[in-house]
Amino acid sequence: MADFFKLDRNIQLRIVMMFITVAIGSSVGPNMTIYYVGYFGAFLTGILLVLVQVAGFLAGLYGGHLADLWGRKRVMIAGIGLMTLGYLLAAVMNSPLYINPYITFFGFLMASVGLSFASPAEEAMMIDVSTVKNRKFIYAMIYWVINLAVMIGAGLGGWFFKTARFQLLIGTVIGALISLIIVLVWITETLPKDKRPTHGQSVWAAVKSYRTVFADRRYMKFMIASIGATIIFTSPDYYLAAHLSQTFHTIDIAGVEIFGQRMLSIVTMVNTFMIVLMMGMMTKLFKHWSEMKASAVGTALQGGGFAIMFLLTDFWPLMVFTVILTLGEMIVTPASQSLRAEMMNPEKIGAYSGFSAAIRPIGAILASGIVSASVLVGNVGAALLLLTATGISILFTYLAVQMLRENRTS
């Protein structure tokens, strides 16, 4: 904790804001799918959720561009302000006096767009005031905070969403408002005006700005690696969930029946608890490893762990590999995120951050494709596909790091 208080104040505040944002998001976000299905049906709900993803994708790209043009703080104010208004609209539309699911969806769409719009500026601000030496610690701290927030938020949502939805939504408004006040009052601008372009606010200017990112061969290699990493860490949401629900051998533990869906929940809980309890220790244990070594070993453990779990159907073997892949996750996450920051062009950190956020849905789509492919290739084929993604992630990280080292020595 002493190391936390040595960080730049903007980073400290950013971590506090992240805890609030993730906690309120995870308290309502997963439950909204059930809410929408109840009012709109599964088909229309699927279309609406895709719309939210597309809108967030575009908002993140444009927000990243404007973060280099307007400065970090102004973009954060606009995005978090929109998020606050969206949560407020959703809360009002679910009061004891009146419920309107259509306007509720629009409110959550506003909140999602606002969060995506502000996200690249928040990351760019953090990179502005951090150093290569302290980034692994910062990203490890952020990862720990995110998992703690998810654990708390999901617990609150599961307990109160059905019985006290209006009060829970009011809580999200208060949380978003606190974040907005933090930005308005205490966050300081980290991008000087003399380093900002004087023109280029149009959408076409944003497109041209991202051409620079596409032309950066080193960063594009790292983004290919990031797509592979995304396929790995979204496995529980896609193929692993399908695999356990269909093939897991039900077991009785202390009078409690553990079937496929419950096994997936246990895997998630063990993963989260391990990260919350052990992340600080793991960061200290592996702080002397290079980013490349940590990325390669961590990715291999995490990807290999999930691939083997695609083949397992019994409780205890699944638990063993849950522990193994979680250790890999704790090793790779701070190293990979620190590398990503180092790969960025310091003159266009906002655009690079926006592009990084925008490519993540590509990995999620490919991860979902493993579910469809498994019909043809089976469990073994699905495991081999995940191992291929793991190998690609390690290989392209290595290629990007080699280019980074060559650039340092030239």
Protein backbone atom coordinates (compact mmCIF):
# COMPACT_ATOMS: atom_id res chain seq x y z
CA MET A 1 0.00 0.00 0.00
CA ALA A 2 2.94 2.32 0.63
CA ASP A 3 3.87 2.01 -3.06
CA PHE A 4 0.34 3.11 -4.00
CA PHE A 5 0.74 6.42 -2.15
CA LYS A 6 4.02 7.08 -3.98
CA LEU A 7 2.21 7.15 -7.33
CA ASP A 8 1.18 10.31 -9.14
CA ARG A 9 -2.12 11.64 -7.75
CA ASN A 10 -3.83 11.26 -11.13
CA ILE A 11 -3.03 7.54 -11.12
CA GLN A 12 -4.31 7.15 -7.55
CA LEU A 13 -7.57 8.88 -8.52
CA ARG A 14 -7.83 6.85 -11.73
CA ILE A 15 -7.61 3.61 -9.71
CA VAL A 16 -10.34 4.85 -7.34
CA MET A 17 -12.52 5.79 -10.32
CA MET A 18 -11.92 2.40 -11.93
CA PHE A 19 -13.06 0.63 -8.77
CA ILE A 20 -16.27 2.68 -8.72
CA THR A 21 -16.95 2.28 -12.46
CA VAL A 22 -16.33 -1.47 -12.55
CA ALA A 23 -18.31 -2.09 -9.35
CA ILE A 24 -21.41 -0.23 -10.56
CA GLY A 25 -21.11 -1.72 -14.05
CA SER A 26 -20.84 -5.30 -12.83
CA SER A 27 -23.71 -4.81 -10.39
CA VAL A 28 -26.20 -4.10 -13.18
CA GLY A 29 -24.60 -5.05 -16.51
CA PRO A 30 -24.90 -8.87 -16.41
CA ASN A 31 -28.46 -8.65 -15.07
CA MET A 32 -29.64 -6.33 -17.83
CA THR A 33 -29.56 -9.18 -20.36
CA ILE A 34 -32.16 -11.02 -18.27
CA TYR A 35 -34.12 -7.74 -17.94
CA TYR A 36 -34.15 -7.17 -21.72
CA VAL A 37 -35.11 -10.78 -22.53
CA GLY A 38 -38.09 -10.44 -20.19
CA TYR A 39 -39.37 -7.38 -22.03
CA PHE A 40 -38.09 -7.78 -25.62
CA GLY A 41 -37.50 -11.51 -26.12
CA ALA A 42 -34.20 -13.24 -26.86
CA PHE A 43 -34.00 -12.35 -30.58
CA LEU A 44 -34.40 -8.59 -30.20
CA THR A 45 -32.20 -8.61 -27.09
CA GLY A 46 -29.38 -10.14 -29.13
CA ILE A 47 -29.68 -7.39 -31.73
CA LEU A 48 -29.73 -4.67 -29.05
CA LEU A 49 -26.61 -6.06 -27.35
CA VAL A 50 -24.75 -6.09 -30.68
CA LEU A 51 -25.84 -2.46 -31.18
CA VAL A 52 -24.34 -1.56 -27.79
CA GLN A 53 -21.03 -3.22 -28.75
CA VAL A 54 -20.88 -1.43 -32.11
CA ALA A 55 -21.70 1.95 -30.55
CA GLY A 56 -19.03 1.41 -27.87
CA PHE A 57 -16.50 0.40 -30.53
CA LEU A 58 -17.06 3.61 -32.52
CA ALA A 59 -17.16 5.79 -29.40
CA GLY A 60 -13.83 4.36 -28.24
CA LEU A 61 -12.17 5.10 -31.58
CA TYR A 62 -13.44 8.69 -31.68
CA GLY A 63 -12.71 9.27 -28.00
CA GLY A 64 -9.14 8.08 -28.52
CA HIS A 65 -8.66 10.54 -31.36
CA LEU A 66 -10.12 13.46 -29.38
CA ALA A 67 -7.96 12.58 -26.35
CA ASP A 68 -4.95 13.70 -28.41
CA LEU A 69 -6.80 16.76 -29.70
CA TRP A 70 -8.79 18.08 -26.73
CA GLY A 71 -6.62 16.73 -23.94
CA ARG A 72 -7.37 13.89 -21.54
CA LYS A 73 -9.49 15.69 -18.95
CA ARG A 74 -12.02 17.22 -21.36
CA VAL A 75 -12.72 13.84 -23.00
CA MET A 76 -13.05 12.19 -19.59
CA ILE A 77 -15.54 14.85 -18.45
CA ALA A 78 -17.62 14.40 -21.61
CA GLY A 79 -17.61 10.60 -21.41
CA ILE A 80 -18.24 10.23 -17.68
CA GLY A 81 -20.86 12.99 -17.83
CA LEU A 82 -22.71 11.04 -20.54
CA MET A 83 -22.37 7.85 -18.49
CA THR A 84 -23.87 9.59 -15.46
CA LEU A 85 -26.82 10.93 -17.48
CA GLY A 86 -27.41 7.46 -18.95
CA TYR A 87 -27.52 5.80 -15.52
CA LEU A 88 -29.80 8.57 -14.24
CA LEU A 89 -32.21 8.06 -17.15
CA ALA A 90 -32.24 4.29 -16.56
CA ALA A 91 -32.92 4.78 -12.85
CA VAL A 92 -35.80 7.19 -13.45
CA MET A 93 -37.32 4.75 -15.94
CA ASN A 94 -37.37 1.99 -13.30
CA SER A 95 -38.89 3.86 -10.38
CA PRO A 96 -41.70 2.36 -8.27
CA LEU A 97 -44.08 4.70 -10.13
CA TYR A 98 -43.09 4.08 -13.74
CA ILE A 99 -41.15 1.52 -15.79
CA ASN A 100 -40.15 1.97 -19.43
CA PRO A 101 -37.75 -0.71 -20.77
CA TYR A 102 -37.25 1.10 -24.10
CA ILE A 103 -35.94 4.30 -22.53
CA THR A 104 -34.05 2.15 -20.01
CA PHE A 105 -32.16 0.58 -22.91
CA PHE A 106 -31.40 4.02 -24.34
CA GLY A 107 -30.08 5.10 -20.93
CA PHE A 108 -27.74 2.12 -20.71
CA LEU A 109 -26.67 2.72 -24.31
CA MET A 110 -25.73 6.28 -23.33
CA ALA A 111 -23.81 4.98 -20.32
CA SER A 112 -21.93 2.41 -22.42
CA VAL A 113 -21.04 4.96 -25.10
CA GLY A 114 -19.87 7.44 -22.45
CA LEU A 115 -17.68 4.83 -20.75
CA SER A 116 -16.15 3.74 -24.07
CA PHE A 117 -15.61 7.38 -25.12
CA ALA A 118 -13.72 8.20 -21.91
CA SER A 119 -11.71 4.97 -21.65
CA PRO A 120 -8.87 5.80 -24.11
CA ALA A 121 -8.35 9.21 -22.48
CA GLU A 122 -8.18 7.60 -19.04
CA GLU A 123 -5.56 5.12 -20.21
CA ALA A 124 -3.61 7.81 -22.07
CA MET A 125 -3.58 10.00 -18.96
CA MET A 126 -2.20 7.12 -16.91
CA ILE A 127 0.55 6.45 -19.46
CA ASP A 128 1.43 10.17 -19.50
CA VAL A 129 2.28 10.22 -15.78
CA SER A 130 3.70 6.70 -15.31
CA THR A 131 7.16 5.36 -16.08
CA VAL A 132 8.49 2.14 -17.57
CA LYS A 133 9.73 1.17 -14.09
CA ASN A 134 6.43 1.52 -12.22
CA ARG A 135 3.94 0.41 -14.90
CA LYS A 136 4.04 -3.29 -14.00
CA PHE A 137 3.12 -2.40 -10.43
CA ILE A 138 0.40 0.03 -11.60
CA TYR A 139 -1.22 -2.50 -13.96
CA ALA A 140 -1.04 -5.22 -11.31
CA MET A 141 -2.76 -2.85 -8.86
CA ILE A 142 -5.43 -1.98 -11.44
CA TYR A 143 -6.03 -5.65 -12.21
CA TRP A 144 -6.43 -6.42 -8.51
CA VAL A 145 -8.85 -3.51 -8.10
CA ILE A 146 -10.91 -4.63 -11.11
CA ASN A 147 -11.31 -8.15 -9.73
CA LEU A 148 -12.21 -6.86 -6.26
CA ALA A 149 -14.77 -4.49 -7.82
CA VAL A 150 -16.29 -7.26 -9.95
CA MET A 151 -16.59 -9.50 -6.90
CA ILE A 152 -18.35 -6.78 -4.88
CA GLY A 153 -20.47 -5.48 -7.77
CA ALA A 154 -21.63 -8.92 -8.91
CA GLY A 155 -22.56 -9.79 -5.33
CA LEU A 156 -24.63 -6.63 -4.94
CA GLY A 157 -26.29 -7.14 -8.31
CA GLY A 158 -27.15 -10.77 -7.67
CA TRP A 159 -28.62 -9.89 -4.28
CA PHE A 160 -30.53 -6.68 -5.04
CA PHE A 161 -31.28 -6.47 -8.80
CA LYS A 162 -34.54 -8.38 -8.64
CA THR A 163 -35.83 -7.12 -5.29
CA ALA A 164 -34.44 -3.56 -5.15
CA ARG A 165 -33.64 -2.61 -8.75
CA PHE A 166 -34.52 1.08 -8.42
CA GLN A 167 -32.33 1.52 -5.33
CA LEU A 168 -29.48 -0.34 -7.05
CA LEU A 169 -29.75 1.90 -10.11
CA ILE A 170 -29.72 4.98 -7.88
CA GLY A 171 -26.48 3.58 -6.46
CA THR A 172 -24.99 3.44 -9.98
CA VAL A 173 -25.95 7.09 -10.50
CA ILE A 174 -24.26 8.10 -7.23
CA GLY A 175 -21.14 6.11 -8.16
CA ALA A 176 -20.95 7.70 -11.63
CA LEU A 177 -21.52 11.16 -10.12
CA ILE A 178 -18.65 10.62 -7.66
CA SER A 179 -16.37 9.71 -10.58
CA LEU A 180 -17.47 12.84 -12.45
CA ILE A 181 -16.75 15.04 -9.43
CA ILE A 182 -13.30 13.46 -9.05
CA VAL A 183 -12.47 14.37 -12.66
CA LEU A 184 -13.90 17.89 -12.41
CA VAL A 185 -12.26 18.80 -9.10
CA TRP A 186 -9.08 16.76 -8.64
CA ILE A 187 -7.88 15.27 -11.94
CA THR A 188 -5.31 17.49 -13.67
CA GLU A 189 -4.63 17.68 -17.41
CA THR A 190 -1.58 15.65 -18.47
CA LEU A 191 -1.34 16.67 -22.14
CA PRO A 192 0.01 20.24 -22.54
CA LYS A 193 -1.73 22.43 -25.10
CA ASP A 194 1.47 22.91 -27.08
CA LYS A 195 1.54 19.16 -27.80
CA ARG A 196 -1.99 19.04 -29.25
CA PRO A 197 -2.91 19.45 -32.93
CA THR A 198 -4.75 22.68 -33.64
CA HIS A 199 -7.32 21.12 -35.99
CA GLY A 200 -8.86 17.78 -36.93
CA GLN A 201 -12.05 17.24 -34.91
CA SER A 202 -14.00 15.70 -37.81
CA VAL A 203 -14.67 11.98 -38.18
CA TRP A 204 -12.52 11.95 -41.32
CA ALA A 205 -9.65 13.43 -39.31
CA ALA A 206 -10.10 10.62 -36.80
CA VAL A 207 -9.89 8.06 -39.63
CA LYS A 208 -6.65 9.65 -40.88
CA SER A 209 -5.30 9.64 -37.33
CA TYR A 210 -5.76 5.88 -37.13
CA ARG A 211 -3.89 5.40 -40.40
CA THR A 212 -0.77 6.23 -38.39
CA VAL A 213 -1.55 3.37 -36.02
CA PHE A 214 -2.09 0.95 -38.93
CA ALA A 215 1.27 1.99 -40.38
CA ASP A 216 3.07 1.11 -37.14
CA ARG A 217 4.20 -2.46 -37.91
CA ARG A 218 5.49 -3.03 -34.39
CA TYR A 219 2.20 -2.04 -32.76
CA MET A 220 0.13 -4.03 -35.28
CA LYS A 221 2.14 -7.14 -34.43
CA PHE A 222 1.41 -6.53 -30.76
CA MET A 223 -2.28 -6.08 -31.55
CA ILE A 224 -2.32 -9.48 -33.28
CA ALA A 225 -0.83 -10.88 -30.08
CA SER A 226 -3.56 -9.06 -28.12
CA ILE A 227 -6.28 -10.68 -30.23
CA GLY A 228 -4.84 -14.08 -29.34
CA ALA A 229 -4.76 -13.09 -25.66
CA THR A 230 -8.40 -11.97 -25.87
CA ILE A 231 -9.41 -15.36 -27.27
CA ILE A 232 -7.75 -16.96 -24.24
CA PHE A 233 -9.24 -14.86 -21.46
CA THR A 234 -12.77 -14.86 -22.94
CA SER A 235 -12.80 -18.68 -23.08
CA PRO A 236 -14.95 -18.99 -19.90
CA ASP A 237 -17.67 -16.91 -21.57
CA TYR A 238 -17.73 -19.07 -24.70
CA TYR A 239 -16.44 -22.60 -25.29
CA LEU A 240 -15.64 -23.51 -21.68
CA ALA A 241 -19.19 -22.57 -20.67
CA ALA A 242 -20.65 -24.71 -23.46
CA HIS A 243 -18.28 -27.60 -22.73
CA LEU A 244 -19.03 -27.76 -19.01
CA SER A 245 -22.79 -27.41 -19.46
CA GLN A 246 -22.82 -30.36 -21.87
CA THR A 247 -20.18 -32.81 -20.61
CA PHE A 248 -19.32 -32.09 -16.95
CA HIS A 249 -19.81 -35.11 -14.67
CA THR A 250 -22.18 -33.94 -11.94
CA ILE A 251 -20.81 -34.42 -8.43
CA ASP A 252 -22.25 -34.09 -4.93
CA ILE A 253 -20.07 -32.16 -2.43
CA ALA A 254 -21.32 -31.82 1.16
CA GLY A 255 -24.88 -32.37 -0.01
CA VAL A 256 -24.62 -29.72 -2.77
CA GLU A 257 -25.07 -30.87 -6.36
CA ILE A 258 -22.37 -29.43 -8.65
CA PHE A 259 -23.42 -29.53 -12.30
CA GLY A 260 -21.95 -27.80 -15.36
CA GLN A 261 -23.17 -24.24 -14.80
CA ARG A 262 -22.25 -24.32 -11.13
CA MET A 263 -18.81 -25.66 -12.03
CA LEU A 264 -18.28 -22.66 -14.31
CA SER A 265 -19.26 -20.35 -11.43
CA ILE A 266 -16.80 -22.15 -9.13
CA VAL A 267 -14.02 -21.72 -11.71
CA THR A 268 -14.80 -17.99 -11.91
CA MET A 269 -14.95 -17.57 -8.12
CA VAL A 270 -11.67 -19.43 -7.54
CA ASN A 271 -10.02 -17.32 -10.25
CA THR A 272 -11.29 -14.06 -8.74
CA PHE A 273 -10.44 -14.96 -5.12
CA MET A 274 -6.93 -16.03 -6.08
CA ILE A 275 -6.32 -12.73 -7.88
CA VAL A 276 -7.69 -10.65 -5.00
CA LEU A 277 -5.67 -12.56 -2.40
CA MET A 278 -2.43 -13.22 -4.28
CA MET A 279 -1.91 -10.48 -6.89
CA GLY A 280 0.35 -8.36 -4.67
CA MET A 281 2.53 -11.34 -3.75
CA MET A 282 2.77 -12.49 -7.40
CA THR A 283 3.77 -9.00 -8.54
CA LYS A 284 6.66 -8.92 -6.06
CA LEU A 285 7.67 -12.50 -6.87
CA PHE A 286 8.00 -11.87 -10.62
CA LYS A 287 8.99 -8.19 -10.66
CA HIS A 288 12.52 -9.00 -11.88
CA TRP A 289 11.29 -10.93 -14.90
CA SER A 290 11.40 -9.13 -18.23
CA GLU A 291 8.06 -8.25 -19.81
CA MET A 292 8.75 -10.74 -22.64
CA LYS A 293 9.53 -13.63 -20.28
CA ALA A 294 6.49 -12.89 -18.10
CA SER A 295 4.24 -12.57 -21.15
CA ALA A 296 5.43 -15.82 -22.69
CA VAL A 297 5.26 -17.91 -19.51
CA GLY A 298 1.98 -16.38 -18.32
CA THR A 299 0.28 -16.75 -21.72
CA ALA A 300 1.47 -20.37 -22.02
CA LEU A 301 0.12 -21.26 -18.56
CA GLN A 302 -3.20 -19.48 -19.09
CA GLY A 303 -3.81 -20.63 -22.67
CA GLY A 304 -2.55 -24.16 -22.02
CA GLY A 305 -4.63 -24.37 -18.85
CA PHE A 306 -7.84 -23.44 -20.64
CA ALA A 307 -7.05 -25.78 -23.56
CA ILE A 308 -6.65 -28.76 -21.19
CA MET A 309 -9.86 -27.77 -19.40
CA PHE A 310 -11.64 -28.09 -22.76
CA LEU A 311 -10.86 -31.82 -22.49
CA LEU A 312 -11.72 -32.36 -18.81
CA THR A 313 -15.08 -33.38 -17.37
CA ASP A 314 -14.37 -33.97 -13.65
CA PHE A 315 -14.29 -31.60 -10.68
CA TRP A 316 -10.81 -31.99 -9.18
CA PRO A 317 -8.78 -31.99 -12.42
CA LEU A 318 -10.68 -28.85 -13.46
CA MET A 319 -9.84 -27.23 -10.11
CA VAL A 320 -6.12 -28.01 -10.51
CA PHE A 321 -5.96 -26.36 -13.93
CA THR A 322 -8.04 -23.41 -12.73
CA VAL A 323 -5.26 -22.70 -10.23
CA ILE A 324 -2.56 -23.13 -12.91
CA LEU A 325 -4.18 -20.82 -15.46
CA THR A 326 -4.91 -18.20 -12.79
CA LEU A 327 -1.22 -18.15 -11.85
CA GLY A 328 -0.46 -17.59 -15.54
CA GLU A 329 -3.05 -14.81 -15.70
CA MET A 330 -1.45 -13.01 -12.75
CA ILE A 331 2.00 -13.28 -14.36
CA VAL A 332 1.02 -12.11 -17.85
CA THR A 333 -1.46 -9.30 -17.17
CA PRO A 334 0.80 -6.54 -15.73
CA ALA A 335 3.66 -7.44 -18.10
CA SER A 336 1.44 -7.41 -21.22
CA GLN A 337 -0.26 -4.14 -20.32
CA SER A 338 3.09 -2.50 -19.53
CA LEU A 339 4.41 -3.64 -22.93
CA ARG A 340 1.35 -2.23 -24.67
CA ALA A 341 2.00 1.20 -23.15
CA GLU A 342 5.66 1.05 -24.19
CA MET A 343 4.71 0.12 -27.77
CA MET A 344 2.65 3.31 -28.24
CA ASN A 345 3.79 6.40 -30.09
CA PRO A 346 3.99 9.03 -27.28
CA GLU A 347 2.66 11.68 -29.68
CA LYS A 348 -0.59 9.76 -30.30
CA ILE A 349 -1.25 7.85 -27.10
CA GLY A 350 -4.98 8.59 -27.25
CA ALA A 351 -5.36 7.14 -30.75
CA TYR A 352 -3.26 4.09 -29.83
CA SER A 353 -5.35 3.52 -26.69
CA GLY A 354 -8.56 3.86 -28.69
CA PHE A 355 -7.36 1.36 -31.29
CA SER A 356 -6.27 -1.07 -28.57
CA ALA A 357 -9.74 -0.98 -27.02
CA ALA A 358 -11.41 -1.31 -30.41
CA ILE A 359 -9.67 -4.53 -31.45
CA ARG A 360 -10.78 -6.44 -28.34
CA PRO A 361 -14.22 -7.30 -29.80
CA ILE A 362 -12.39 -9.06 -32.66
CA GLY A 363 -10.86 -11.50 -30.19
CA ALA A 364 -14.24 -12.04 -28.53
CA ILE A 365 -15.85 -12.81 -31.91
CA LEU A 366 -13.10 -15.33 -32.74
CA ALA A 367 -13.48 -16.91 -29.29
CA SER A 368 -17.20 -17.37 -29.92
CA GLY A 369 -16.31 -18.94 -33.27
CA ILE A 370 -14.59 -21.82 -31.43
CA VAL A 371 -18.04 -22.80 -30.12
CA SER A 372 -19.36 -23.14 -33.68
CA ALA A 373 -16.21 -24.86 -34.92
CA SER A 374 -16.40 -27.42 -32.11
CA VAL A 375 -19.41 -29.00 -33.84
CA LEU A 376 -17.00 -30.15 -36.56
CA VAL A 377 -13.71 -30.57 -34.68
CA GLY A 378 -14.90 -31.63 -31.20
CA ASN A 379 -13.22 -30.97 -27.86
CA VAL A 380 -9.74 -31.88 -29.10
CA GLY A 381 -10.09 -29.55 -32.08
CA ALA A 382 -11.32 -26.72 -29.85
CA ALA A 383 -8.32 -27.23 -27.55
CA LEU A 384 -5.95 -27.20 -30.54
CA LEU A 385 -7.55 -23.98 -31.82
CA LEU A 386 -6.99 -22.34 -28.44
CA LEU A 387 -3.39 -23.58 -28.35
CA THR A 388 -2.93 -22.07 -31.82
CA ALA A 389 -4.21 -18.71 -30.52
CA THR A 390 -1.83 -19.07 -27.55
CA GLY A 391 1.13 -19.73 -29.83
CA ILE A 392 0.22 -16.80 -32.08
CA SER A 393 -0.01 -14.50 -29.07
CA ILE A 394 3.43 -15.52 -27.78
CA LEU A 395 5.03 -15.39 -31.25
CA PHE A 396 3.73 -11.94 -32.20
CA THR A 397 4.56 -10.55 -28.76
CA TYR A 398 8.12 -11.76 -29.32
CA LEU A 399 8.27 -10.19 -32.81
CA ALA A 400 6.96 -6.87 -31.48
CA VAL A 401 9.41 -6.88 -28.57
CA GLN A 402 12.30 -7.61 -30.93
CA MET A 403 11.34 -4.55 -33.02
CA LEU A 404 11.10 -2.51 -29.81
CA ARG A 405 14.61 -3.59 -28.76
CA GLU A 406 16.02 -2.81 -32.21
CA ASN A 407 14.45 0.67 -32.02
CA ARG A 408 16.07 1.26 -28.60
CA THR A 409 19.53 0.35 -29.86
CA SER A 410 19.32 2.26 -33.16
